[in-house]
Structure formats: C-alpha cells, structure tokens
C-alpha cells in the first residue's frame, strides 16, 4: 500500500465536476461510473508516479499525465505528494493556469 496520497487542486475538482455534469445530460449512471474511473486513476498514481508521460507542452519531468479514455489527467509530484492539476479532453492542449497547491 502506498504511503503517498493524491490531492485534487481546485481546478481539477472543477474539471471532474464539469465532465460529470456533461455526461449526466445523457446518463447519470454513466456520469457516476466515469467520475469513479477518473478518481480510481488518481488513486493509482501514488503507487508509481513516474508511469505517466511528461506533458509534451511543458517538457518538465515533474509535470506528468495519464490519459484515460479521452481525458488527460495532468499531475505533479511535490514533497512526496501527488497533486492532480487538471483533467481535460485529450484533444486540447495543456495550459498551466494559476494552480494552487495545498
């Protein structure tokens, strides 16, 4: 069991909420299922944080991402903690916004 935990930034939490609400327009069950999948990916990152690829738009080894279905989960590792920065459609480019950590 990993000792590291993950934390959602305010932006990532809003992203997941927006994605869930969008899917819920067609199916509440699918929306809940997909939100659970996204959170499961988040929970798995601390076990092997280096498995995510370096975000091409940034090129910094501390900013990584995992692609789940059509969504990019961008995260960073700081002081042994995983911070999920943003979750967005994989067709879009990553733009580092004013991200508040902790």
PDB file of N, CA and C in Angstrom:
ATOM      1  N   UNK A   1       0.848  -1.185   0.000  1.00  0.00           N
ATOM      2  CA  UNK A   1       0.000   0.000   0.000  1.00  0.00           C
ATOM      3  C   UNK A   1       0.892   1.247   0.000  1.00  0.00           C
ATOM      4  N   UNK A   2       0.602   2.175  -0.857  1.00  0.00           N
ATOM      5  CA  UNK A   2       1.393   3.384  -0.993  1.00  0.00           C
ATOM      6  C   UNK A   2       1.178   4.318   0.200  1.00  0.00           C
ATOM      7  N   UNK A   3       2.268   4.959   0.631  1.00  0.00           N
ATOM      8  CA  UNK A   3       2.167   5.942   1.696  1.00  0.00           C
ATOM      9  C   UNK A   3       1.831   7.319   1.122  1.00  0.00           C
ATOM     10  N   UNK A   4       2.069   7.494  -0.160  1.00  0.00           N
ATOM     11  CA  UNK A   4       1.769   8.764  -0.799  1.00  0.00           C
ATOM     12  C   UNK A   4       0.272   8.878  -1.040  1.00  0.00           C
ATOM     13  N   UNK A   5      -0.205  10.105  -1.017  1.00  0.00           N
ATOM     14  CA  UNK A   5      -1.611  10.366  -1.278  1.00  0.00           C
ATOM     15  C   UNK A   5      -1.725  11.288  -2.476  1.00  0.00           C
ATOM     16  N   UNK A   6      -2.927  11.432  -2.987  1.00  0.00           N
ATOM     17  CA  UNK A   6      -3.145  12.407  -4.054  1.00  0.00           C
ATOM     18  C   UNK A   6      -4.093  13.484  -3.564  1.00  0.00           C
ATOM     19  N   UNK A   7      -3.933  14.653  -4.140  1.00  0.00           N
ATOM     20  CA  UNK A   7      -4.772  15.795  -3.811  1.00  0.00           C
ATOM     21  C   UNK A   7      -5.254  16.427  -5.104  1.00  0.00           C
ATOM     22  N   UNK A   8      -6.527  16.762  -5.145  1.00  0.00           N
ATOM     23  CA  UNK A   8      -7.072  17.473  -6.305  1.00  0.00           C
ATOM     24  C   UNK A   8      -6.916  18.966  -6.072  1.00  0.00           C
ATOM     25  N   UNK A   9      -6.367  19.664  -7.058  1.00  0.00           N
ATOM     26  CA  UNK A   9      -6.389  21.121  -6.976  1.00  0.00           C
ATOM     27  C   UNK A   9      -7.829  21.568  -7.195  1.00  0.00           C
ATOM     28  N   UNK A  10      -8.105  22.792  -6.886  1.00  0.00           N
ATOM     29  CA  UNK A  10      -9.453  23.330  -7.105  1.00  0.00           C
ATOM     30  C   UNK A  10      -9.833  23.180  -8.582  1.00  0.00           C
ATOM     31  N   UNK A  11      -8.875  23.458  -9.471  1.00  0.00           N
ATOM     32  CA  UNK A  11      -9.151  23.354 -10.905  1.00  0.00           C
ATOM     33  C   UNK A  11      -9.506  21.922 -11.301  1.00  0.00           C
ATOM     34  N   UNK A  12      -8.750  20.947 -10.807  1.00  0.00           N
ATOM     35  CA  UNK A  12      -9.017  19.542 -11.145  1.00  0.00           C
ATOM     36  C   UNK A  12     -10.381  19.105 -10.624  1.00  0.00           C
ATOM     37  N   UNK A  13     -10.743  19.529  -9.422  1.00  0.00           N
ATOM     38  CA  UNK A  13     -12.057  19.177  -8.873  1.00  0.00           C
ATOM     39  C   UNK A  13     -13.170  19.771  -9.725  1.00  0.00           C
ATOM     40  N   UNK A  14     -12.990  21.017 -10.153  1.00  0.00           N
ATOM     41  CA  UNK A  14     -13.988  21.640 -11.034  1.00  0.00           C
ATOM     42  C   UNK A  14     -14.046  20.934 -12.382  1.00  0.00           C
ATOM     43  N   UNK A  15     -12.896  20.533 -12.889  1.00  0.00           N
ATOM     44  CA  UNK A  15     -12.850  19.813 -14.170  1.00  0.00           C
ATOM     45  C   UNK A  15     -13.657  18.512 -14.088  1.00  0.00           C
ATOM     46  N   UNK A  16     -13.437  17.739 -13.040  1.00  0.00           N
ATOM     47  CA  UNK A  16     -14.153  16.468 -12.884  1.00  0.00           C
ATOM     48  C   UNK A  16     -15.649  16.725 -12.714  1.00  0.00           C
ATOM     49  N   UNK A  17     -15.993  17.754 -11.975  1.00  0.00           N
ATOM     50  CA  UNK A  17     -17.403  18.104 -11.811  1.00  0.00           C
ATOM     51  C   UNK A  17     -18.033  18.471 -13.160  1.00  0.00           C
ATOM     52  N   UNK A  18     -17.341  19.282 -13.951  1.00  0.00           N
ATOM     53  CA  UNK A  18     -17.863  19.683 -15.263  1.00  0.00           C
ATOM     54  C   UNK A  18     -18.027  18.484 -16.197  1.00  0.00           C
ATOM     55  N   UNK A  19     -17.040  17.594 -16.194  1.00  0.00           N
ATOM     56  CA  UNK A  19     -17.104  16.392 -17.035  1.00  0.00           C
ATOM     57  C   UNK A  19     -18.291  15.525 -16.615  1.00  0.00           C
ATOM     58  N   UNK A  20     -18.441  15.355 -15.310  1.00  0.00           N
ATOM     59  CA  UNK A  20     -19.539  14.541 -14.783  1.00  0.00           C
ATOM     60  C   UNK A  20     -20.892  15.138 -15.158  1.00  0.00           C
ATOM     61  N   UNK A  21     -21.030  16.441 -15.000  1.00  0.00           N
ATOM     62  CA  UNK A  21     -22.291  17.102 -15.340  1.00  0.00           C
ATOM     63  C   UNK A  21     -22.585  16.996 -16.841  1.00  0.00           C
ATOM     64  N   UNK A  22     -21.558  17.083 -17.664  1.00  0.00           N
ATOM     65  CA  UNK A  22     -21.748  16.967 -19.107  1.00  0.00           C
ATOM     66  C   UNK A  22     -22.260  15.573 -19.475  1.00  0.00           C
ATOM     67  N   UNK A  23     -21.625  14.540 -18.928  1.00  0.00           N
ATOM     68  CA  UNK A  23     -22.039  13.166 -19.222  1.00  0.00           C
ATOM     69  C   UNK A  23     -23.435  12.896 -18.658  1.00  0.00           C
ATOM     70  N   UNK A  24     -23.751  13.486 -17.514  1.00  0.00           N
ATOM     71  CA  UNK A  24     -25.045  13.259 -16.856  1.00  0.00           C
ATOM     72  C   UNK A  24     -26.216  13.776 -17.684  1.00  0.00           C
ATOM     73  N   UNK A  25     -25.960  14.651 -18.627  1.00  0.00           N
ATOM     74  CA  UNK A  25     -27.036  15.121 -19.511  1.00  0.00           C
ATOM     75  C   UNK A  25     -27.667  13.951 -20.261  1.00  0.00           C
ATOM     76  N   UNK A  26     -26.834  12.936 -20.560  1.00  0.00           N
ATOM     77  CA  UNK A  26     -27.319  11.753 -21.264  1.00  0.00           C
ATOM     78  C   UNK A  26     -27.606  10.592 -20.317  1.00  0.00           C
ATOM     79  N   UNK A  27     -26.754  10.452 -19.287  1.00  0.00           N
ATOM     80  CA  UNK A  27     -26.908   9.305 -18.392  1.00  0.00           C
ATOM     81  C   UNK A  27     -26.234   9.582 -17.053  1.00  0.00           C
ATOM     82  N   UNK A  28     -27.025   9.636 -16.022  1.00  0.00           N
ATOM     83  CA  UNK A  28     -26.478   9.851 -14.681  1.00  0.00           C
ATOM     84  C   UNK A  28     -25.607   8.666 -14.275  1.00  0.00           C
ATOM     85  N   UNK A  29     -26.054   7.463 -14.604  1.00  0.00           N
ATOM     86  CA  UNK A  29     -25.277   6.264 -14.257  1.00  0.00           C
ATOM     87  C   UNK A  29     -23.904   6.292 -14.915  1.00  0.00           C
ATOM     88  N   UNK A  30     -23.850   6.623 -16.210  1.00  0.00           N
ATOM     89  CA  UNK A  30     -22.563   6.695 -16.909  1.00  0.00           C
ATOM     90  C   UNK A  30     -21.681   7.797 -16.333  1.00  0.00           C
ATOM     91  N   UNK A  31     -22.295   8.895 -15.946  1.00  0.00           N
ATOM     92  CA  UNK A  31     -21.538  10.009 -15.372  1.00  0.00           C
ATOM     93  C   UNK A  31     -20.876   9.592 -14.066  1.00  0.00           C
ATOM     94  N   UNK A  32     -21.630   8.942 -13.211  1.00  0.00           N
ATOM     95  CA  UNK A  32     -21.094   8.484 -11.928  1.00  0.00           C
ATOM     96  C   UNK A  32     -19.994   7.451 -12.154  1.00  0.00           C
ATOM     97  N   UNK A  33     -20.242   6.539 -13.052  1.00  0.00           N
ATOM     98  CA  UNK A  33     -19.245   5.497 -13.361  1.00  0.00           C
ATOM     99  C   UNK A  33     -17.943   6.115 -13.869  1.00  0.00           C
ATOM    100  N   UNK A  34     -18.066   7.103 -14.766  1.00  0.00           N
ATOM    101  CA  UNK A  34     -16.865   7.705 -15.333  1.00  0.00           C
ATOM    102  C   UNK A  34     -16.116   8.537 -14.282  1.00  0.00           C
ATOM    103  N   UNK A  35     -16.841   9.255 -13.445  1.00  0.00           N
ATOM    104  CA  UNK A  35     -16.189  10.008 -12.364  1.00  0.00           C
ATOM    105  C   UNK A  35     -15.427   9.048 -11.447  1.00  0.00           C
ATOM    106  N   UNK A  36     -16.027   7.900 -11.148  1.00  0.00           N
ATOM    107  CA  UNK A  36     -15.349   6.884 -10.333  1.00  0.00           C
ATOM    108  C   UNK A  36     -14.082   6.385 -11.022  1.00  0.00           C
ATOM    109  N   UNK A  37     -14.151   6.200 -12.341  1.00  0.00           N
ATOM    110  CA  UNK A  37     -12.973   5.761 -13.095  1.00  0.00           C
ATOM    111  C   UNK A  37     -11.854   6.796 -13.005  1.00  0.00           C
ATOM    112  N   UNK A  38     -12.203   8.064 -13.182  1.00  0.00           N
ATOM    113  CA  UNK A  38     -11.196   9.123 -13.095  1.00  0.00           C
ATOM    114  C   UNK A  38     -10.546   9.149 -11.718  1.00  0.00           C
ATOM    115  N   UNK A  39     -11.358   9.028 -10.686  1.00  0.00           N
ATOM    116  CA  UNK A  39     -10.814   9.041  -9.332  1.00  0.00           C
ATOM    117  C   UNK A  39      -9.975   7.801  -9.045  1.00  0.00           C
ATOM    118  N   UNK A  40     -10.340   6.671  -9.651  1.00  0.00           N
ATOM    119  CA  UNK A  40      -9.538   5.456  -9.496  1.00  0.00           C
ATOM    120  C   UNK A  40      -8.159   5.639 -10.138  1.00  0.00           C
ATOM    121  N   UNK A  41      -8.115   6.296 -11.283  1.00  0.00           N
ATOM    122  CA  UNK A  41      -6.822   6.603 -11.910  1.00  0.00           C
ATOM    123  C   UNK A  41      -6.005   7.482 -10.963  1.00  0.00           C
ATOM    124  N   UNK A  42      -6.641   8.489 -10.385  1.00  0.00           N
ATOM    125  CA  UNK A  42      -5.956   9.369  -9.427  1.00  0.00           C
ATOM    126  C   UNK A  42      -5.398   8.579  -8.250  1.00  0.00           C
ATOM    127  N   UNK A  43      -6.192   7.660  -7.722  1.00  0.00           N
ATOM    128  CA  UNK A  43      -5.755   6.845  -6.579  1.00  0.00           C
ATOM    129  C   UNK A  43      -4.581   5.938  -6.943  1.00  0.00           C
ATOM    130  N   UNK A  44      -4.467   5.562  -8.201  1.00  0.00           N
ATOM    131  CA  UNK A  44      -3.401   4.649  -8.618  1.00  0.00           C
ATOM    132  C   UNK A  44      -2.059   5.354  -8.853  1.00  0.00           C
ATOM    133  N   UNK A  45      -2.075   6.646  -9.052  1.00  0.00           N
ATOM    134  CA  UNK A  45      -0.844   7.372  -9.381  1.00  0.00           C
ATOM    135  C   UNK A  45       0.218   7.267  -8.286  1.00  0.00           C
ATOM    136  N   UNK A  46      -0.121   7.414  -7.006  1.00  0.00           N
ATOM    137  CA  UNK A  46       0.928   7.354  -5.979  1.00  0.00           C
ATOM    138  C   UNK A  46       1.722   6.045  -5.958  1.00  0.00           C
ATOM    139  N   UNK A  47       1.143   4.954  -6.445  1.00  0.00           N
ATOM    140  CA  UNK A  47       1.853   3.678  -6.450  1.00  0.00           C
ATOM    141  C   UNK A  47       3.040   3.675  -7.410  1.00  0.00           C
ATOM    142  N   UNK A  48       2.968   4.450  -8.486  1.00  0.00           N
ATOM    143  CA  UNK A  48       4.056   4.524  -9.457  1.00  0.00           C
ATOM    144  C   UNK A  48       3.919   5.835 -10.236  1.00  0.00           C
ATOM    145  N   UNK A  49       4.257   6.954  -9.614  1.00  0.00           N
ATOM    146  CA  UNK A  49       4.019   8.257 -10.233  1.00  0.00           C
ATOM    147  C   UNK A  49       4.805   8.502 -11.526  1.00  0.00           C
ATOM    148  N   UNK A  50       5.917   7.794 -11.707  1.00  0.00           N
ATOM    149  CA  UNK A  50       6.721   8.005 -12.910  1.00  0.00           C
ATOM    150  C   UNK A  50       6.125   7.341 -14.145  1.00  0.00           C
ATOM    151  N   UNK A  51       5.040   6.586 -13.980  1.00  0.00           N
ATOM    152  CA  UNK A  51       4.471   5.886 -15.140  1.00  0.00           C
ATOM    153  C   UNK A  51       3.822   6.841 -16.124  1.00  0.00           C
ATOM    154  N   UNK A  52       3.376   7.976 -15.654  1.00  0.00           N
ATOM    155  CA  UNK A  52       2.776   8.957 -16.553  1.00  0.00           C
ATOM    156  C   UNK A  52       3.838   9.597 -17.425  1.00  0.00           C
ATOM    157  N   UNK A  53       3.449   9.950 -18.631  1.00  0.00           N
ATOM    158  CA  UNK A  53       4.424  10.573 -19.525  1.00  0.00           C
ATOM    159  C   UNK A  53       4.591  12.050 -19.159  1.00  0.00           C
ATOM    160  N   UNK A  54       5.735  12.594 -19.519  1.00  0.00           N
ATOM    161  CA  UNK A  54       5.980  14.012 -19.334  1.00  0.00           C
ATOM    162  C   UNK A  54       5.065  14.770 -20.293  1.00  0.00           C
ATOM    163  N   UNK A  55       4.393  15.796 -19.799  1.00  0.00           N
ATOM    164  CA  UNK A  55       3.459  16.561 -20.622  1.00  0.00           C
ATOM    165  C   UNK A  55       4.252  17.256 -21.731  1.00  0.00           C
ATOM    166  N   UNK A  56       3.951  16.950 -22.997  1.00  0.00           N
ATOM    167  CA  UNK A  56       4.734  17.490 -24.108  1.00  0.00           C
ATOM    168  C   UNK A  56       4.752  19.018 -24.172  1.00  0.00           C
ATOM    169  N   UNK A  57       3.668  19.659 -23.806  1.00  0.00           N
ATOM    170  CA  UNK A  57       3.601  21.118 -23.888  1.00  0.00           C
ATOM    171  C   UNK A  57       4.511  21.806 -22.865  1.00  0.00           C
ATOM    172  N   UNK A  58       4.886  21.064 -21.818  1.00  0.00           N
ATOM    173  CA  UNK A  58       5.694  21.648 -20.752  1.00  0.00           C
ATOM    174  C   UNK A  58       7.138  21.145 -20.823  1.00  0.00           C
ATOM    175  N   UNK A  59       7.296  19.839 -20.996  1.00  0.00           N
ATOM    176  CA  UNK A  59       8.626  19.249 -21.082  1.00  0.00           C
ATOM    177  C   UNK A  59       9.370  19.176 -19.759  1.00  0.00           C
ATOM    178  N   UNK A  60       8.671  19.334 -18.659  1.00  0.00           N
ATOM    179  CA  UNK A  60       9.293  19.277 -17.334  1.00  0.00           C
ATOM    180  C   UNK A  60       9.000  17.915 -16.711  1.00  0.00           C
ATOM    181  N   UNK A  61      10.029  17.216 -16.213  1.00  0.00           N
ATOM    182  CA  UNK A  61       9.802  15.865 -15.693  1.00  0.00           C
ATOM    183  C   UNK A  61       8.891  15.784 -14.470  1.00  0.00           C
ATOM    184  N   UNK A  62       8.640  16.888 -13.791  1.00  0.00           N
ATOM    185  CA  UNK A  62       7.741  16.851 -12.636  1.00  0.00           C
ATOM    186  C   UNK A  62       6.279  17.048 -13.025  1.00  0.00           C
ATOM    187  N   UNK A  63       6.016  17.446 -14.261  1.00  0.00           N
ATOM    188  CA  UNK A  63       4.640  17.615 -14.739  1.00  0.00           C
ATOM    189  C   UNK A  63       4.353  16.455 -15.675  1.00  0.00           C
ATOM    190  N   UNK A  64       3.492  15.553 -15.231  1.00  0.00           N
ATOM    191  CA  UNK A  64       3.214  14.322 -15.977  1.00  0.00           C
ATOM    192  C   UNK A  64       1.721  14.174 -16.213  1.00  0.00           C
ATOM    193  N   UNK A  65       1.394  13.208 -17.063  1.00  0.00           N
ATOM    194  CA  UNK A  65      -0.018  12.972 -17.339  1.00  0.00           C
ATOM    195  C   UNK A  65      -0.274  11.507 -17.615  1.00  0.00           C
ATOM    196  N   UNK A  66      -1.507  11.138 -17.335  1.00  0.00           N
ATOM    197  CA  UNK A  66      -2.022   9.821 -17.706  1.00  0.00           C
ATOM    198  C   UNK A  66      -3.267  10.089 -18.527  1.00  0.00           C
ATOM    199  N   UNK A  67      -3.379   9.391 -19.627  1.00  0.00           N
ATOM    200  CA  UNK A  67      -4.561   9.541 -20.473  1.00  0.00           C
ATOM    201  C   UNK A  67      -5.511   8.391 -20.161  1.00  0.00           C
ATOM    202  N   UNK A  68      -6.731   8.767 -19.827  1.00  0.00           N
ATOM    203  CA  UNK A  68      -7.778   7.774 -19.554  1.00  0.00           C
ATOM    204  C   UNK A  68      -8.929   8.048 -20.516  1.00  0.00           C
ATOM    205  N   UNK A  69      -9.153   7.094 -21.403  1.00  0.00           N
ATOM    206  CA  UNK A  69     -10.149   7.253 -22.461  1.00  0.00           C
ATOM    207  C   UNK A  69      -9.832   8.537 -23.224  1.00  0.00           C
ATOM    208  N   UNK A  70     -10.713   9.507 -23.243  1.00  0.00           N
ATOM    209  CA  UNK A  70     -10.452  10.746 -23.990  1.00  0.00           C
ATOM    210  C   UNK A  70     -10.044  11.902 -23.094  1.00  0.00           C
ATOM    211  N   UNK A  71      -9.514  11.617 -21.918  1.00  0.00           N
ATOM    212  CA  UNK A  71      -9.184  12.683 -20.975  1.00  0.00           C
ATOM    213  C   UNK A  71      -7.752  12.577 -20.486  1.00  0.00           C
ATOM    214  N   UNK A  72      -7.142  13.730 -20.319  1.00  0.00           N
ATOM    215  CA  UNK A  72      -5.787  13.836 -19.803  1.00  0.00           C
ATOM    216  C   UNK A  72      -5.860  14.236 -18.331  1.00  0.00           C
ATOM    217  N   UNK A  73      -5.191  13.472 -17.485  1.00  0.00           N
ATOM    218  CA  UNK A  73      -5.078  13.795 -16.065  1.00  0.00           C
ATOM    219  C   UNK A  73      -3.642  14.268 -15.841  1.00  0.00           C
ATOM    220  N   UNK A  74      -3.473  15.560 -15.659  1.00  0.00           N
ATOM    221  CA  UNK A  74      -2.153  16.147 -15.502  1.00  0.00           C
ATOM    222  C   UNK A  74      -1.873  16.301 -14.011  1.00  0.00           C
ATOM    223  N   UNK A  75      -0.677  15.872 -13.616  1.00  0.00           N
ATOM    224  CA  UNK A  75      -0.336  15.897 -12.198  1.00  0.00           C
ATOM    225  C   UNK A  75       1.131  16.252 -11.989  1.00  0.00           C
ATOM    226  N   UNK A  76       1.456  16.569 -10.752  1.00  0.00           N
ATOM    227  CA  UNK A  76       2.836  16.809 -10.371  1.00  0.00           C
ATOM    228  C   UNK A  76       3.096  16.133  -9.034  1.00  0.00           C
ATOM    229  N   UNK A  77       4.352  15.848  -8.773  1.00  0.00           N
ATOM    230  CA  UNK A  77       4.758  15.263  -7.500  1.00  0.00           C
ATOM    231  C   UNK A  77       5.603  16.317  -6.787  1.00  0.00           C
ATOM    232  N   UNK A  78       5.152  16.696  -5.606  1.00  0.00           N
ATOM    233  CA  UNK A  78       5.893  17.677  -4.808  1.00  0.00           C
ATOM    234  C   UNK A  78       5.929  17.213  -3.363  1.00  0.00           C
ATOM    235  N   UNK A  79       7.139  17.153  -2.835  1.00  0.00           N
ATOM    236  CA  UNK A  79       7.339  16.757  -1.431  1.00  0.00           C
ATOM    237  C   UNK A  79       6.633  15.434  -1.121  1.00  0.00           C
ATOM    238  N   UNK A  80       6.725  14.488  -2.043  1.00  0.00           N
ATOM    239  CA  UNK A  80       6.145  13.170  -1.831  1.00  0.00           C
ATOM    240  C   UNK A  80       4.633  13.105  -1.972  1.00  0.00           C
ATOM    241  N   UNK A  81       4.020  14.189  -2.408  1.00  0.00           N
ATOM    242  CA  UNK A  81       2.571  14.215  -2.586  1.00  0.00           C
ATOM    243  C   UNK A  81       2.242  14.384  -4.064  1.00  0.00           C
ATOM    244  N   UNK A  82       1.138  13.776  -4.464  1.00  0.00           N
ATOM    245  CA  UNK A  82       0.660  13.867  -5.841  1.00  0.00           C
ATOM    246  C   UNK A  82      -0.432  14.929  -5.894  1.00  0.00           C
ATOM    247  N   UNK A  83      -0.257  15.900  -6.769  1.00  0.00           N
ATOM    248  CA  UNK A  83      -1.263  16.941  -6.967  1.00  0.00           C
ATOM    249  C   UNK A  83      -1.825  16.798  -8.377  1.00  0.00           C
ATOM    250  N   UNK A  84      -3.115  16.508  -8.483  1.00  0.00           N
ATOM    251  CA  UNK A  84      -3.781  16.446  -9.778  1.00  0.00           C
ATOM    252  C   UNK A  84      -4.067  17.901 -10.153  1.00  0.00           C
ATOM    253  N   UNK A  85      -3.470  18.357 -11.245  1.00  0.00           N
ATOM    254  CA  UNK A  85      -3.567  19.767 -11.627  1.00  0.00           C
ATOM    255  C   UNK A  85      -4.803  20.067 -12.465  1.00  0.00           C
ATOM    256  N   UNK A  86      -5.019  19.241 -13.485  1.00  0.00           N
ATOM    257  CA  UNK A  86      -6.142  19.465 -14.389  1.00  0.00           C
ATOM    258  C   UNK A  86      -6.591  18.144 -14.994  1.00  0.00           C
ATOM    259  N   UNK A  87      -7.857  18.095 -15.385  1.00  0.00           N
ATOM    260  CA  UNK A  87      -8.421  16.954 -16.096  1.00  0.00           C
ATOM    261  C   UNK A  87      -9.210  17.555 -17.253  1.00  0.00           C
ATOM    262  N   UNK A  88      -8.849  17.174 -18.480  1.00  0.00           N
ATOM    263  CA  UNK A  88      -9.489  17.802 -19.631  1.00  0.00           C
ATOM    264  C   UNK A  88      -9.445  16.889 -20.846  1.00  0.00           C
ATOM    265  N   UNK A  89     -10.211  17.244 -21.858  1.00  0.00           N
ATOM    266  CA  UNK A  89     -10.306  16.448 -23.086  1.00  0.00           C
ATOM    267  C   UNK A  89      -8.930  16.327 -23.737  1.00  0.00           C
ATOM    268  N   UNK A  90      -8.591  15.128 -24.146  1.00  0.00           N
ATOM    269  CA  UNK A  90      -7.273  14.845 -24.705  1.00  0.00           C
ATOM    270  C   UNK A  90      -7.003  15.567 -26.022  1.00  0.00           C
ATOM    271  N   UNK A  91      -8.034  16.055 -26.683  1.00  0.00           N
ATOM    272  CA  UNK A  91      -7.838  16.788 -27.926  1.00  0.00           C
ATOM    273  C   UNK A  91      -7.324  18.213 -27.676  1.00  0.00           C
ATOM    274  N   UNK A  92      -7.373  18.654 -26.429  1.00  0.00           N
ATOM    275  CA  UNK A  92      -6.953  20.014 -26.097  1.00  0.00           C
ATOM    276  C   UNK A  92      -5.511  20.037 -25.618  1.00  0.00           C
ATOM    277  N   UNK A  93      -4.894  21.190 -25.724  1.00  0.00           N
ATOM    278  CA  UNK A  93      -3.540  21.376 -25.228  1.00  0.00           C
ATOM    279  C   UNK A  93      -3.573  21.767 -23.756  1.00  0.00           C
ATOM    280  N   UNK A  94      -2.524  21.386 -23.048  1.00  0.00           N
ATOM    281  CA  UNK A  94      -2.403  21.741 -21.641  1.00  0.00           C
ATOM    282  C   UNK A  94      -1.941  23.187 -21.533  1.00  0.00           C
ATOM    283  N   UNK A  95      -2.621  23.936 -20.696  1.00  0.00           N
ATOM    284  CA  UNK A  95      -2.230  25.309 -20.393  1.00  0.00           C
ATOM    285  C   UNK A  95      -2.117  25.420 -18.883  1.00  0.00           C
ATOM    286  N   UNK A  96      -0.918  25.680 -18.428  1.00  0.00           N
ATOM    287  CA  UNK A  96      -0.698  25.827 -16.986  1.00  0.00           C
ATOM    288  C   UNK A  96      -1.405  27.081 -16.525  1.00  0.00           C
ATOM    289  N   UNK A  97      -2.409  26.896 -15.699  1.00  0.00           N
ATOM    290  CA  UNK A  97      -3.154  28.015 -15.161  1.00  0.00           C
ATOM    291  C   UNK A  97      -2.631  28.337 -13.772  1.00  0.00           C
ATOM    292  N   UNK A  98      -3.199  29.280 -13.129  1.00  0.00           N
ATOM    293  CA  UNK A  98      -2.814  29.603 -11.757  1.00  0.00           C
ATOM    294  C   UNK A  98      -3.274  28.470 -10.856  1.00  0.00           C
ATOM    295  N   UNK A  99      -2.403  27.515 -10.651  1.00  0.00           N
ATOM    296  CA  UNK A  99      -2.718  26.321  -9.869  1.00  0.00           C
ATOM    297  C   UNK A  99      -2.267  26.546  -8.437  1.00  0.00           C
ATOM    298  N   UNK A 100      -3.191  26.362  -7.516  1.00  0.00           N
ATOM    299  CA  UNK A 100      -2.866  26.478  -6.098  1.00  0.00           C
ATOM    300  C   UNK A 100      -2.637  25.082  -5.538  1.00  0.00           C
ATOM    301  N   UNK A 101      -1.432  24.850  -5.018  1.00  0.00           N
ATOM    302  CA  UNK A 101      -1.123  23.564  -4.414  1.00  0.00           C
ATOM    303  C   UNK A 101      -1.298  23.689  -2.912  1.00  0.00           C
ATOM    304  N   UNK A 102      -2.043  22.772  -2.353  1.00  0.00           N
ATOM    305  CA  UNK A 102      -2.381  22.671  -0.923  1.00  0.00           C
ATOM    306  C   UNK A 102      -3.247  23.786  -0.470  1.00  0.00           C
TER     307      UNK A 102
END
